[in-house]
N, C-alpha and C. Protein backbone atom coordinates (compact mmCIF):
# COMPACT_ATOMS: atom_id res chain seq x y z
N MET A 1 88.17 133.18 66.48
CA MET A 1 88.86 131.95 66.72
C MET A 1 87.77 130.89 67.16
N PRO A 2 87.56 129.84 66.43
CA PRO A 2 86.47 128.85 66.69
C PRO A 2 86.78 128.15 68.07
N ASP A 3 85.78 127.85 68.79
CA ASP A 3 85.87 127.17 70.07
C ASP A 3 86.46 125.80 69.89
N GLU A 4 87.57 125.49 70.66
CA GLU A 4 88.16 124.33 70.39
C GLU A 4 87.32 123.01 70.69
N ARG A 5 86.47 123.19 71.63
CA ARG A 5 85.55 122.08 71.98
C ARG A 5 84.62 121.76 70.91
N LEU A 6 84.07 122.89 70.25
CA LEU A 6 83.14 122.67 69.10
C LEU A 6 83.91 122.05 67.92
N ILE A 7 85.13 122.42 67.66
CA ILE A 7 85.95 121.82 66.68
C ILE A 7 86.02 120.23 66.91
N LEU A 8 86.39 119.90 68.13
CA LEU A 8 86.52 118.57 68.48
C LEU A 8 85.16 117.81 68.28
N GLN A 9 84.10 118.39 68.56
CA GLN A 9 82.74 117.81 68.42
C GLN A 9 82.49 117.52 66.93
N GLU A 10 82.92 118.51 66.13
CA GLU A 10 82.79 118.28 64.70
C GLU A 10 83.63 117.17 64.14
N TYR A 11 84.85 117.05 64.63
CA TYR A 11 85.74 115.97 64.34
C TYR A 11 85.05 114.61 64.51
N ASP A 12 84.53 114.57 65.80
CA ASP A 12 83.91 113.29 66.31
C ASP A 12 82.66 113.00 65.49
N ARG A 13 81.85 114.00 65.15
CA ARG A 13 80.70 113.74 64.27
C ARG A 13 81.08 113.25 62.95
N TYR A 14 82.13 113.82 62.35
CA TYR A 14 82.56 113.43 61.01
C TYR A 14 83.06 112.05 61.02
N ILE A 15 83.93 111.62 62.01
CA ILE A 15 84.50 110.26 62.06
C ILE A 15 83.35 109.28 62.26
N SER A 16 82.48 109.54 63.30
CA SER A 16 81.52 108.62 63.66
C SER A 16 80.49 108.48 62.42
N GLY A 17 80.20 109.57 61.88
CA GLY A 17 79.23 109.54 60.72
C GLY A 17 79.75 108.67 59.59
N LEU A 18 80.95 108.79 59.29
CA LEU A 18 81.54 108.13 58.15
C LEU A 18 82.01 106.65 58.50
N PHE A 19 82.56 106.37 59.66
CA PHE A 19 83.09 105.16 59.94
C PHE A 19 82.51 104.29 61.05
N ALA A 20 81.62 105.01 61.86
CA ALA A 20 81.07 104.30 63.03
C ALA A 20 79.63 104.73 63.21
N SER A 21 78.76 104.64 62.17
CA SER A 21 77.34 104.93 62.29
C SER A 21 76.68 103.89 63.26
N GLU A 22 75.93 104.47 64.14
CA GLU A 22 75.16 103.62 65.12
C GLU A 22 73.96 102.96 64.44
N ASP A 23 73.69 101.65 64.59
CA ASP A 23 72.44 101.10 64.15
C ASP A 23 71.35 101.24 65.19
N ASP A 24 70.19 100.63 65.00
CA ASP A 24 69.08 100.80 66.02
C ASP A 24 69.51 100.18 67.39
N ALA A 25 70.22 99.11 67.40
CA ALA A 25 70.54 98.54 68.74
C ALA A 25 71.43 99.44 69.57
N LEU A 26 72.45 99.91 68.95
CA LEU A 26 73.32 100.90 69.63
C LEU A 26 72.69 102.17 70.10
N LYS A 27 71.82 102.75 69.22
CA LYS A 27 71.05 103.84 69.66
C LYS A 27 70.05 103.54 70.75
N SER A 28 69.44 102.39 70.70
CA SER A 28 68.49 101.95 71.73
C SER A 28 69.28 101.75 73.06
N ALA A 29 70.45 101.21 73.02
CA ALA A 29 71.25 101.01 74.24
C ALA A 29 71.57 102.33 74.90
N ARG A 30 71.89 103.37 74.13
CA ARG A 30 72.14 104.70 74.76
C ARG A 30 70.82 105.21 75.36
N ALA A 31 69.78 105.04 74.63
CA ALA A 31 68.50 105.65 75.09
C ALA A 31 68.04 104.91 76.30
N GLU A 32 68.25 103.61 76.48
CA GLU A 32 67.88 102.84 77.58
C GLU A 32 68.63 103.34 78.77
N MET A 33 69.97 103.58 78.62
CA MET A 33 70.76 104.08 79.78
C MET A 33 70.35 105.45 80.20
N GLN A 34 69.96 106.28 79.23
CA GLN A 34 69.40 107.68 79.68
C GLN A 34 68.13 107.56 80.43
N ARG A 35 67.20 106.61 80.07
CA ARG A 35 65.95 106.45 80.69
C ARG A 35 66.17 105.94 82.09
N GLU A 36 67.27 105.13 82.30
CA GLU A 36 67.54 104.55 83.62
C GLU A 36 68.36 105.48 84.53
N GLY A 37 68.68 106.62 83.97
CA GLY A 37 69.44 107.64 84.70
C GLY A 37 70.88 107.20 84.96
N MET A 38 71.38 106.46 84.09
CA MET A 38 72.83 105.98 84.29
C MET A 38 73.80 107.00 83.79
N PRO A 39 74.90 107.09 84.32
CA PRO A 39 75.92 108.11 83.92
C PRO A 39 76.34 107.93 82.49
N GLU A 40 76.39 109.09 81.82
CA GLU A 40 76.79 109.02 80.31
C GLU A 40 78.32 109.02 80.23
N ILE A 41 78.88 107.88 80.54
CA ILE A 41 80.32 107.72 80.48
C ILE A 41 80.76 106.57 79.63
N ASN A 42 79.83 106.12 78.71
CA ASN A 42 80.17 105.01 77.85
C ASN A 42 81.16 105.49 76.79
N VAL A 43 81.81 104.68 76.03
CA VAL A 43 82.71 105.05 74.95
C VAL A 43 81.87 105.58 73.87
N SER A 44 82.60 106.55 73.07
CA SER A 44 81.90 107.15 72.00
C SER A 44 81.77 106.10 70.83
N ALA A 45 80.98 106.41 69.83
CA ALA A 45 80.83 105.48 68.69
C ALA A 45 82.16 105.18 68.05
N SER A 46 82.91 106.32 67.80
CA SER A 46 84.20 106.21 67.07
C SER A 46 85.12 105.32 67.87
N GLU A 47 85.20 105.49 69.27
CA GLU A 47 86.02 104.54 70.07
C GLU A 47 85.53 103.16 70.02
N GLY A 48 84.15 102.93 70.05
CA GLY A 48 83.71 101.67 69.99
C GLY A 48 84.07 100.91 68.71
N LYS A 49 84.12 101.67 67.56
CA LYS A 49 84.65 101.03 66.36
C LYS A 49 86.01 100.68 66.43
N VAL A 50 86.87 101.54 67.15
CA VAL A 50 88.22 101.14 67.34
C VAL A 50 88.48 99.80 68.06
N LEU A 51 87.57 99.69 69.24
CA LEU A 51 87.61 98.44 69.96
C LEU A 51 87.22 97.25 69.01
N HIS A 52 86.15 97.49 68.26
CA HIS A 52 85.65 96.39 67.31
C HIS A 52 86.73 95.97 66.36
N LEU A 53 87.42 97.03 65.77
CA LEU A 53 88.45 96.73 64.83
C LEU A 53 89.59 95.96 65.44
N LEU A 54 90.09 96.41 66.50
CA LEU A 54 91.19 95.85 67.12
C LEU A 54 90.91 94.33 67.43
N ALA A 55 89.70 94.09 67.91
CA ALA A 55 89.27 92.72 68.18
C ALA A 55 89.24 91.88 66.87
N ARG A 56 88.77 92.52 65.88
CA ARG A 56 88.78 91.76 64.53
C ARG A 56 90.22 91.54 64.06
N ILE A 57 91.04 92.57 64.18
CA ILE A 57 92.45 92.34 63.68
C ILE A 57 93.14 91.18 64.32
N ILE A 58 93.00 91.01 65.55
CA ILE A 58 93.67 89.87 66.22
C ILE A 58 92.92 88.62 66.17
N GLY A 59 91.70 88.58 65.53
CA GLY A 59 90.92 87.43 65.42
C GLY A 59 90.44 86.95 66.79
N ALA A 60 89.98 87.92 67.65
CA ALA A 60 89.57 87.51 68.96
C ALA A 60 88.42 86.64 69.02
N LYS A 61 88.52 85.47 69.80
CA LYS A 61 87.34 84.56 70.00
C LYS A 61 86.81 84.61 71.39
N ARG A 62 87.66 85.15 72.31
CA ARG A 62 87.29 85.26 73.72
C ARG A 62 87.71 86.60 74.26
N ILE A 63 86.75 87.40 74.81
CA ILE A 63 86.93 88.74 75.16
C ILE A 63 86.56 88.85 76.65
N LEU A 64 87.25 89.52 77.54
CA LEU A 64 86.96 89.85 78.89
C LEU A 64 86.80 91.43 78.97
N GLU A 65 85.66 91.80 79.49
CA GLU A 65 85.41 93.32 79.68
C GLU A 65 85.20 93.52 81.17
N ILE A 66 85.96 94.53 81.72
CA ILE A 66 85.86 94.91 83.18
C ILE A 66 85.20 96.23 83.21
N GLY A 67 83.87 96.23 83.57
CA GLY A 67 83.06 97.37 83.54
C GLY A 67 82.07 97.35 82.43
N THR A 68 80.77 97.01 82.71
CA THR A 68 79.81 96.82 81.72
C THR A 68 78.92 98.07 81.40
N LEU A 69 78.57 98.67 82.48
CA LEU A 69 77.58 99.86 82.38
C LEU A 69 76.33 99.38 81.74
N GLY A 70 75.99 99.92 80.59
CA GLY A 70 74.75 99.49 79.87
C GLY A 70 75.02 98.61 78.76
N ALA A 71 76.22 98.16 78.53
CA ALA A 71 76.70 97.22 77.47
C ALA A 71 76.86 97.87 76.10
N TYR A 72 77.10 99.19 76.13
CA TYR A 72 77.32 99.86 74.82
C TYR A 72 78.61 99.39 74.18
N SER A 73 79.65 99.42 75.01
CA SER A 73 81.03 98.88 74.41
C SER A 73 80.85 97.45 74.27
N THR A 74 80.14 96.72 75.12
CA THR A 74 80.04 95.32 75.04
C THR A 74 79.48 94.94 73.61
N ILE A 75 78.51 95.63 73.12
CA ILE A 75 77.90 95.39 71.79
C ILE A 75 78.98 95.46 70.71
N TRP A 76 79.74 96.67 70.75
CA TRP A 76 80.80 96.86 69.72
C TRP A 76 81.77 95.68 69.78
N LEU A 77 82.15 95.30 70.97
CA LEU A 77 83.10 94.16 71.05
C LEU A 77 82.56 92.77 70.69
N ALA A 78 81.33 92.50 71.17
CA ALA A 78 80.77 91.20 70.93
C ALA A 78 80.55 91.02 69.35
N ARG A 79 80.23 92.20 68.68
CA ARG A 79 79.98 92.01 67.22
C ARG A 79 81.22 91.60 66.44
N ALA A 80 82.39 91.84 67.10
CA ALA A 80 83.61 91.39 66.48
C ALA A 80 83.96 89.82 66.50
N LEU A 81 83.14 89.29 67.39
CA LEU A 81 83.47 87.81 67.63
C LEU A 81 82.80 86.94 66.53
N PRO A 82 83.49 85.79 66.24
CA PRO A 82 82.96 84.84 65.27
C PRO A 82 81.74 84.15 65.93
N PRO A 83 80.95 83.28 65.15
CA PRO A 83 79.79 82.73 65.67
C PRO A 83 80.00 81.94 66.96
N ASP A 84 81.09 81.37 67.11
CA ASP A 84 81.32 80.57 68.35
C ASP A 84 82.09 81.32 69.46
N GLY A 85 82.23 82.67 69.23
CA GLY A 85 82.90 83.50 70.20
C GLY A 85 82.21 83.69 71.46
N LYS A 86 82.98 84.11 72.52
CA LYS A 86 82.41 84.37 73.84
C LYS A 86 82.97 85.63 74.45
N LEU A 87 82.13 86.36 75.13
CA LEU A 87 82.64 87.63 75.84
C LEU A 87 81.97 87.51 77.28
N ILE A 88 82.81 87.66 78.26
CA ILE A 88 82.43 87.73 79.59
C ILE A 88 82.64 89.17 80.11
N THR A 89 81.64 89.87 80.63
CA THR A 89 81.65 91.21 81.10
C THR A 89 81.31 91.31 82.57
N LEU A 90 82.11 92.07 83.34
CA LEU A 90 82.06 92.20 84.81
C LEU A 90 81.35 93.46 85.17
N GLU A 91 80.42 93.45 86.05
CA GLU A 91 79.70 94.74 86.50
C GLU A 91 79.33 94.61 88.00
N ILE A 92 79.57 95.53 88.68
CA ILE A 92 79.46 95.53 90.15
C ILE A 92 77.93 95.95 90.51
N ASN A 93 77.26 96.77 89.63
CA ASN A 93 76.00 97.25 89.97
C ASN A 93 74.85 96.36 89.40
N PRO A 94 74.08 95.70 90.19
CA PRO A 94 73.02 94.70 89.72
C PRO A 94 72.06 95.40 88.72
N ARG A 95 71.64 96.72 89.01
CA ARG A 95 70.62 97.33 88.19
C ARG A 95 71.32 97.64 86.86
N TYR A 96 72.60 98.11 86.80
CA TYR A 96 73.20 98.26 85.55
C TYR A 96 73.33 96.94 84.69
N ALA A 97 73.56 95.80 85.42
CA ALA A 97 73.65 94.65 84.82
C ALA A 97 72.40 94.21 84.09
N GLU A 98 71.24 94.53 84.77
CA GLU A 98 69.96 94.22 84.17
C GLU A 98 69.77 94.95 82.95
N VAL A 99 70.10 96.27 82.99
CA VAL A 99 69.92 97.16 81.76
C VAL A 99 70.92 96.60 80.66
N ALA A 100 72.15 96.14 81.01
CA ALA A 100 73.01 95.59 79.99
C ALA A 100 72.43 94.35 79.35
N ARG A 101 71.76 93.49 80.18
CA ARG A 101 71.31 92.26 79.63
C ARG A 101 70.10 92.57 78.69
N ARG A 102 69.34 93.55 79.01
CA ARG A 102 68.19 93.92 78.09
C ARG A 102 68.79 94.48 76.75
N ASN A 103 69.83 95.27 76.81
CA ASN A 103 70.40 95.86 75.65
C ASN A 103 71.10 94.70 74.79
N LEU A 104 71.66 93.81 75.44
CA LEU A 104 72.30 92.66 74.75
C LEU A 104 71.30 91.81 74.06
N GLN A 105 70.16 91.67 74.76
CA GLN A 105 69.12 90.83 74.11
C GLN A 105 68.54 91.56 72.89
N SER A 106 68.26 92.90 73.01
CA SER A 106 67.84 93.66 71.89
C SER A 106 68.85 93.62 70.71
N ALA A 107 70.02 93.49 71.01
CA ALA A 107 71.13 93.39 69.95
C ALA A 107 71.36 92.00 69.48
N HIS A 108 70.58 91.05 70.03
CA HIS A 108 70.68 89.56 69.60
C HIS A 108 72.06 89.11 69.90
N LEU A 109 72.61 89.47 71.05
CA LEU A 109 73.99 89.06 71.44
C LEU A 109 74.03 88.25 72.73
N SER A 110 72.82 87.95 73.33
CA SER A 110 72.81 87.26 74.59
C SER A 110 73.47 85.94 74.59
N PRO A 111 73.44 85.15 73.49
CA PRO A 111 74.06 83.88 73.54
C PRO A 111 75.56 83.90 73.56
N LYS A 112 76.19 85.05 73.11
CA LYS A 112 77.56 85.23 73.11
C LYS A 112 78.12 85.82 74.43
N VAL A 113 77.27 86.45 75.17
CA VAL A 113 77.80 87.40 76.23
C VAL A 113 77.23 86.86 77.60
N THR A 114 78.15 86.76 78.57
CA THR A 114 77.79 86.53 79.93
C THR A 114 78.05 87.69 80.85
N VAL A 115 77.03 88.17 81.56
CA VAL A 115 77.31 89.38 82.49
C VAL A 115 77.39 88.83 83.86
N LYS A 116 78.52 88.95 84.44
CA LYS A 116 78.80 88.52 85.84
C LYS A 116 78.75 89.75 86.76
N VAL A 117 77.94 89.63 87.92
CA VAL A 117 77.69 90.67 88.73
C VAL A 117 78.47 90.54 90.07
N GLY A 118 79.17 91.57 90.58
CA GLY A 118 79.99 91.48 91.77
C GLY A 118 81.27 92.40 91.54
N PRO A 119 82.01 92.55 92.58
CA PRO A 119 83.24 93.25 92.53
C PRO A 119 84.12 92.62 91.52
N ALA A 120 84.81 93.45 90.62
CA ALA A 120 85.57 92.87 89.60
C ALA A 120 86.74 92.03 90.04
N LEU A 121 87.40 92.52 91.07
CA LEU A 121 88.64 91.69 91.58
C LEU A 121 88.20 90.34 92.00
N GLU A 122 87.01 90.26 92.64
CA GLU A 122 86.50 88.88 93.08
C GLU A 122 86.20 88.07 91.84
N SER A 123 85.51 88.65 90.96
CA SER A 123 85.17 87.93 89.66
C SER A 123 86.44 87.44 88.94
N LEU A 124 87.45 88.28 88.85
CA LEU A 124 88.72 87.96 88.16
C LEU A 124 89.33 86.77 88.90
N SER A 125 89.29 86.83 90.21
CA SER A 125 89.88 85.61 90.89
C SER A 125 89.08 84.35 90.74
N HIS A 126 87.82 84.46 90.69
CA HIS A 126 87.01 83.29 90.29
C HIS A 126 87.30 82.75 88.97
N LEU A 127 87.45 83.57 88.02
CA LEU A 127 87.83 83.13 86.61
C LEU A 127 89.11 82.33 86.60
N GLN A 128 90.03 82.89 87.44
CA GLN A 128 91.36 82.33 87.41
C GLN A 128 91.28 80.88 88.15
N THR A 129 90.66 80.86 89.34
CA THR A 129 90.63 79.54 89.92
C THR A 129 89.75 78.50 89.28
N ALA A 130 88.77 79.01 88.52
CA ALA A 130 87.87 78.09 87.73
C ALA A 130 88.62 77.49 86.41
N GLY A 131 89.89 78.00 86.26
CA GLY A 131 90.59 77.45 85.07
C GLY A 131 90.08 77.95 83.66
N GLU A 132 89.57 79.18 83.82
CA GLU A 132 88.93 79.74 82.59
C GLU A 132 90.03 79.81 81.42
N ALA A 133 89.63 79.48 80.21
CA ALA A 133 90.51 79.52 79.09
C ALA A 133 91.10 80.85 78.89
N PRO A 134 92.22 81.06 78.30
CA PRO A 134 92.82 82.38 78.10
C PRO A 134 91.96 83.24 77.19
N PHE A 135 91.99 84.49 77.42
CA PHE A 135 91.25 85.50 76.68
C PHE A 135 92.17 86.05 75.61
N ASP A 136 91.57 86.52 74.50
CA ASP A 136 92.42 87.14 73.44
C ASP A 136 92.50 88.70 73.70
N LEU A 137 91.51 89.21 74.35
CA LEU A 137 91.46 90.68 74.62
C LEU A 137 90.78 90.94 75.87
N VAL A 138 91.28 91.92 76.56
CA VAL A 138 90.79 92.41 77.78
C VAL A 138 90.50 93.92 77.72
N PHE A 139 89.34 94.34 78.03
CA PHE A 139 88.99 95.86 77.98
C PHE A 139 88.72 96.29 79.31
N ILE A 140 89.38 97.19 79.79
CA ILE A 140 89.23 97.75 81.20
C ILE A 140 88.53 99.08 81.09
N ASP A 141 87.34 99.31 81.61
CA ASP A 141 86.58 100.47 81.59
C ASP A 141 85.74 100.55 82.92
N ALA A 142 86.40 100.67 84.00
CA ALA A 142 85.63 100.61 85.40
C ALA A 142 86.25 101.79 86.25
N ASP A 143 86.11 101.63 87.55
CA ASP A 143 86.54 102.71 88.42
C ASP A 143 88.08 102.82 88.22
N LYS A 144 88.50 104.12 88.04
CA LYS A 144 89.90 104.32 87.58
C LYS A 144 90.89 104.04 88.68
N GLU A 145 90.53 104.17 89.92
CA GLU A 145 91.47 103.80 91.06
C GLU A 145 91.82 102.36 91.00
N GLY A 146 90.96 101.55 90.46
CA GLY A 146 91.16 100.13 90.48
C GLY A 146 91.95 99.65 89.28
N TYR A 147 92.32 100.41 88.30
CA TYR A 147 92.96 100.02 87.12
C TYR A 147 94.28 99.15 87.28
N PRO A 148 95.13 99.65 88.32
CA PRO A 148 96.39 98.81 88.47
C PRO A 148 96.21 97.46 88.93
N LYS A 149 95.14 97.27 89.84
CA LYS A 149 94.87 95.97 90.39
C LYS A 149 94.14 95.17 89.24
N TYR A 150 93.33 95.78 88.48
CA TYR A 150 92.62 95.01 87.42
C TYR A 150 93.70 94.46 86.41
N LEU A 151 94.66 95.33 86.12
CA LEU A 151 95.73 94.79 85.15
C LEU A 151 96.42 93.64 85.77
N GLN A 152 96.76 93.75 87.02
CA GLN A 152 97.47 92.64 87.68
C GLN A 152 96.67 91.34 87.67
N LYS A 153 95.34 91.48 87.93
CA LYS A 153 94.58 90.31 88.03
C LYS A 153 94.25 89.69 86.55
N ALA A 154 94.14 90.69 85.62
CA ALA A 154 93.67 90.25 84.21
C ALA A 154 94.71 89.59 83.46
N LEU A 155 96.04 90.18 83.65
CA LEU A 155 97.12 89.74 82.76
C LEU A 155 97.35 88.24 82.69
N PRO A 156 97.29 87.53 83.83
CA PRO A 156 97.48 86.02 83.75
C PRO A 156 96.38 85.39 82.93
N LEU A 157 95.20 86.09 82.81
CA LEU A 157 94.04 85.50 82.09
C LEU A 157 94.22 85.70 80.55
N LEU A 158 95.15 86.55 80.14
CA LEU A 158 95.37 86.95 78.73
C LEU A 158 96.39 86.04 78.09
N ARG A 159 96.08 85.56 76.91
CA ARG A 159 97.03 84.81 76.09
C ARG A 159 98.28 85.61 75.67
N GLU A 160 99.35 84.99 75.36
CA GLU A 160 100.50 85.68 74.74
C GLU A 160 100.05 86.23 73.30
N GLY A 161 100.43 87.36 73.08
CA GLY A 161 100.02 88.08 71.78
C GLY A 161 98.66 88.76 71.93
N GLY A 162 97.95 88.53 73.09
CA GLY A 162 96.63 89.13 73.23
C GLY A 162 96.80 90.59 73.63
N LEU A 163 95.64 91.34 73.61
CA LEU A 163 95.59 92.72 73.84
C LEU A 163 94.94 93.18 75.15
N VAL A 164 95.45 94.16 75.79
CA VAL A 164 94.74 94.86 76.92
C VAL A 164 94.46 96.23 76.50
N LEU A 165 93.28 96.67 76.58
CA LEU A 165 92.81 97.95 76.17
C LEU A 165 92.17 98.61 77.45
N ALA A 166 92.47 99.87 77.58
CA ALA A 166 91.91 100.54 78.79
C ALA A 166 91.46 101.94 78.49
N ASP A 167 90.29 102.33 78.86
CA ASP A 167 89.64 103.59 78.48
C ASP A 167 89.93 104.65 79.58
N ASN A 168 89.72 105.93 79.17
CA ASN A 168 89.78 107.13 80.12
C ASN A 168 91.32 107.21 80.68
N ALA A 169 92.19 106.96 79.83
CA ALA A 169 93.62 106.94 80.27
C ALA A 169 94.48 108.23 80.20
N LEU A 170 93.72 109.28 79.66
CA LEU A 170 94.51 110.52 79.40
C LEU A 170 94.22 111.80 80.25
N PRO A 171 92.94 112.25 80.35
CA PRO A 171 92.84 113.46 80.97
C PRO A 171 93.30 113.68 82.34
N ASP A 172 93.06 112.72 83.20
CA ASP A 172 93.42 112.88 84.70
C ASP A 172 94.93 112.93 84.74
N ALA A 173 95.70 112.10 83.92
CA ALA A 173 97.11 111.98 83.97
C ALA A 173 97.73 113.29 83.63
N VAL A 174 97.12 114.03 82.66
CA VAL A 174 97.80 115.31 82.12
C VAL A 174 97.21 116.45 82.90
N LEU A 175 95.91 116.62 83.13
CA LEU A 175 95.26 117.76 83.74
C LEU A 175 95.41 117.75 85.20
N ASP A 176 95.66 116.75 85.86
CA ASP A 176 95.80 116.65 87.30
C ASP A 176 97.15 115.96 87.59
N PRO A 177 98.19 116.56 87.22
CA PRO A 177 99.56 115.83 87.32
C PRO A 177 100.14 115.71 88.79
N LYS A 178 99.61 116.56 89.69
CA LYS A 178 100.19 116.47 91.07
C LYS A 178 99.40 115.43 91.92
N THR A 179 98.36 115.05 91.42
CA THR A 179 97.59 114.02 92.35
C THR A 179 97.96 112.56 91.95
N ASP A 180 98.24 111.83 92.99
CA ASP A 180 98.59 110.41 92.78
C ASP A 180 97.28 109.69 92.73
N HIS A 181 96.99 109.17 91.49
CA HIS A 181 95.69 108.47 91.32
C HIS A 181 95.88 107.21 90.44
N GLY A 182 94.87 106.42 90.37
CA GLY A 182 94.92 105.11 89.68
C GLY A 182 95.43 105.24 88.27
N ILE A 183 94.89 106.17 87.43
CA ILE A 183 95.25 106.29 86.11
C ILE A 183 96.79 106.48 85.94
N LYS A 184 97.33 107.42 86.70
CA LYS A 184 98.78 107.71 86.60
C LYS A 184 99.55 106.48 86.82
N ARG A 185 99.16 105.81 87.98
CA ARG A 185 99.91 104.57 88.31
C ARG A 185 99.79 103.50 87.37
N PHE A 186 98.53 103.34 86.72
CA PHE A 186 98.28 102.49 85.65
C PHE A 186 99.14 102.64 84.43
N ASN A 187 99.20 103.91 83.93
CA ASN A 187 99.95 104.25 82.81
C ASN A 187 101.44 104.04 82.99
N ALA A 188 101.95 104.38 84.24
CA ALA A 188 103.32 104.12 84.52
C ALA A 188 103.71 102.66 84.53
N GLU A 189 102.78 101.85 85.06
CA GLU A 189 103.01 100.44 85.13
C GLU A 189 102.99 99.88 83.71
N LEU A 190 102.12 100.37 82.85
CA LEU A 190 102.00 99.79 81.46
C LEU A 190 103.39 100.16 80.80
N SER A 191 103.85 101.36 80.92
CA SER A 191 104.94 101.73 80.05
C SER A 191 106.25 101.00 80.56
N ALA A 192 106.27 100.59 81.81
CA ALA A 192 107.41 99.88 82.32
C ALA A 192 107.32 98.34 82.41
N HIS A 193 106.16 97.87 82.06
CA HIS A 193 105.85 96.39 82.31
C HIS A 193 106.69 95.54 81.30
N PRO A 194 107.51 94.66 81.78
CA PRO A 194 108.36 93.87 80.84
C PRO A 194 107.71 92.91 79.85
N ASP A 195 106.40 92.57 80.20
CA ASP A 195 105.66 91.65 79.35
C ASP A 195 104.64 92.32 78.34
N LEU A 196 104.71 93.69 78.33
CA LEU A 196 103.79 94.41 77.59
C LEU A 196 104.40 95.39 76.63
N ILE A 197 103.93 95.61 75.41
CA ILE A 197 104.30 96.61 74.48
C ILE A 197 103.14 97.55 74.49
N SER A 198 103.32 98.86 74.83
CA SER A 198 102.10 99.69 75.03
C SER A 198 102.26 100.98 74.39
N VAL A 199 101.08 101.65 74.08
CA VAL A 199 101.00 103.01 73.62
C VAL A 199 99.69 103.57 74.22
N LEU A 200 99.65 104.86 74.39
CA LEU A 200 98.41 105.69 74.70
C LEU A 200 98.01 106.45 73.59
N VAL A 201 96.73 106.19 73.06
CA VAL A 201 96.26 106.90 71.83
C VAL A 201 95.14 107.87 72.25
N PRO A 202 95.22 109.13 71.86
CA PRO A 202 94.06 109.97 72.05
C PRO A 202 92.93 109.64 71.28
N VAL A 203 91.67 109.67 71.88
CA VAL A 203 90.45 109.28 71.18
C VAL A 203 89.45 110.44 71.39
N LEU A 204 88.50 110.65 70.48
CA LEU A 204 87.60 111.71 70.47
C LEU A 204 86.32 111.28 71.23
N ARG A 205 85.87 112.28 72.04
CA ARG A 205 84.51 112.07 72.69
C ARG A 205 83.69 113.31 72.29
N SER A 206 82.38 113.34 72.55
CA SER A 206 81.57 114.47 72.22
C SER A 206 82.05 115.71 73.18
N ARG A 207 82.57 115.33 74.31
CA ARG A 207 82.93 116.45 75.23
C ARG A 207 84.39 116.76 75.19
N GLY A 208 85.15 116.19 74.17
CA GLY A 208 86.51 116.47 74.08
C GLY A 208 87.36 115.26 73.69
N ILE A 209 88.63 115.30 74.30
CA ILE A 209 89.54 114.17 73.97
C ILE A 209 89.83 113.37 75.27
N ASP A 210 89.85 112.04 74.98
CA ASP A 210 90.17 111.21 76.11
C ASP A 210 91.24 110.26 75.57
N GLY A 211 91.63 109.18 76.24
CA GLY A 211 92.65 108.33 75.88
C GLY A 211 92.37 106.89 76.05
N LEU A 212 92.89 106.11 75.06
CA LEU A 212 92.79 104.65 75.12
C LEU A 212 94.23 104.03 75.14
N THR A 213 94.50 103.20 76.06
CA THR A 213 95.77 102.57 76.10
C THR A 213 95.58 101.20 75.36
N ILE A 214 96.64 100.88 74.55
CA ILE A 214 96.66 99.69 73.77
C ILE A 214 97.96 98.90 74.19
N SER A 215 97.81 97.70 74.74
CA SER A 215 99.02 96.95 75.07
C SER A 215 98.96 95.49 74.58
N ALA A 216 100.04 95.07 74.01
CA ALA A 216 100.17 93.62 73.56
C ALA A 216 101.02 92.89 74.52
N LYS A 217 100.54 91.65 74.91
CA LYS A 217 101.30 90.87 75.76
C LYS A 217 102.35 90.09 74.88
N GLN A 218 103.66 90.34 75.24
CA GLN A 218 104.67 89.71 74.45
C GLN A 218 104.85 88.23 74.60
N LYS A 219 105.18 87.62 73.46
CA LYS A 219 105.38 86.19 73.54
C LYS A 219 106.79 85.88 74.12
N LEU A 220 106.81 84.94 74.99
CA LEU A 220 108.00 84.62 75.67
C LEU A 220 108.95 83.81 74.81
């Protein structure tokens, strides 16, 4: 009987090789994160392509990302923007933010992307009080315990018909069902939220299966 994990890795290689091949900028971003000793928790190439495609489908011109790390997912998202598009990404770690800026510069995306450093909840509050224009898409990929609060803070910044995407939404909720943690609360809130139409979609990683939630903000 073939090892299930090896089968999933082959699925991921096949999908990524056919539909989500990495160019030099994406490969360089991963290599830079490894050299800096950053955790290898970025989205997979195949999930990055999903983020990119969803942003393209809705014609996103303004994207908000919560959790930058080394800007791997940022590159996928920013490449979906039109020439006059804008992406704001929030990162709490100053060193990670500097790595992200270098990777964005190498990908020639610096003019489109602003990296804001500080606690995400504070940055979200500043965006709201500053009268920031509505975003078309919000991607949440930060500390999992904070997901419910990030949703609460980010939703008023999202236009009607816009998307909220959130990474890492599956394993903890299923494999650790007795523990009350942020992901379980986040998924429960999404499923019951009156302003959102949501689904949780399994996605492939090199280490197995994870989950991406996709939520559309309903038009009133």
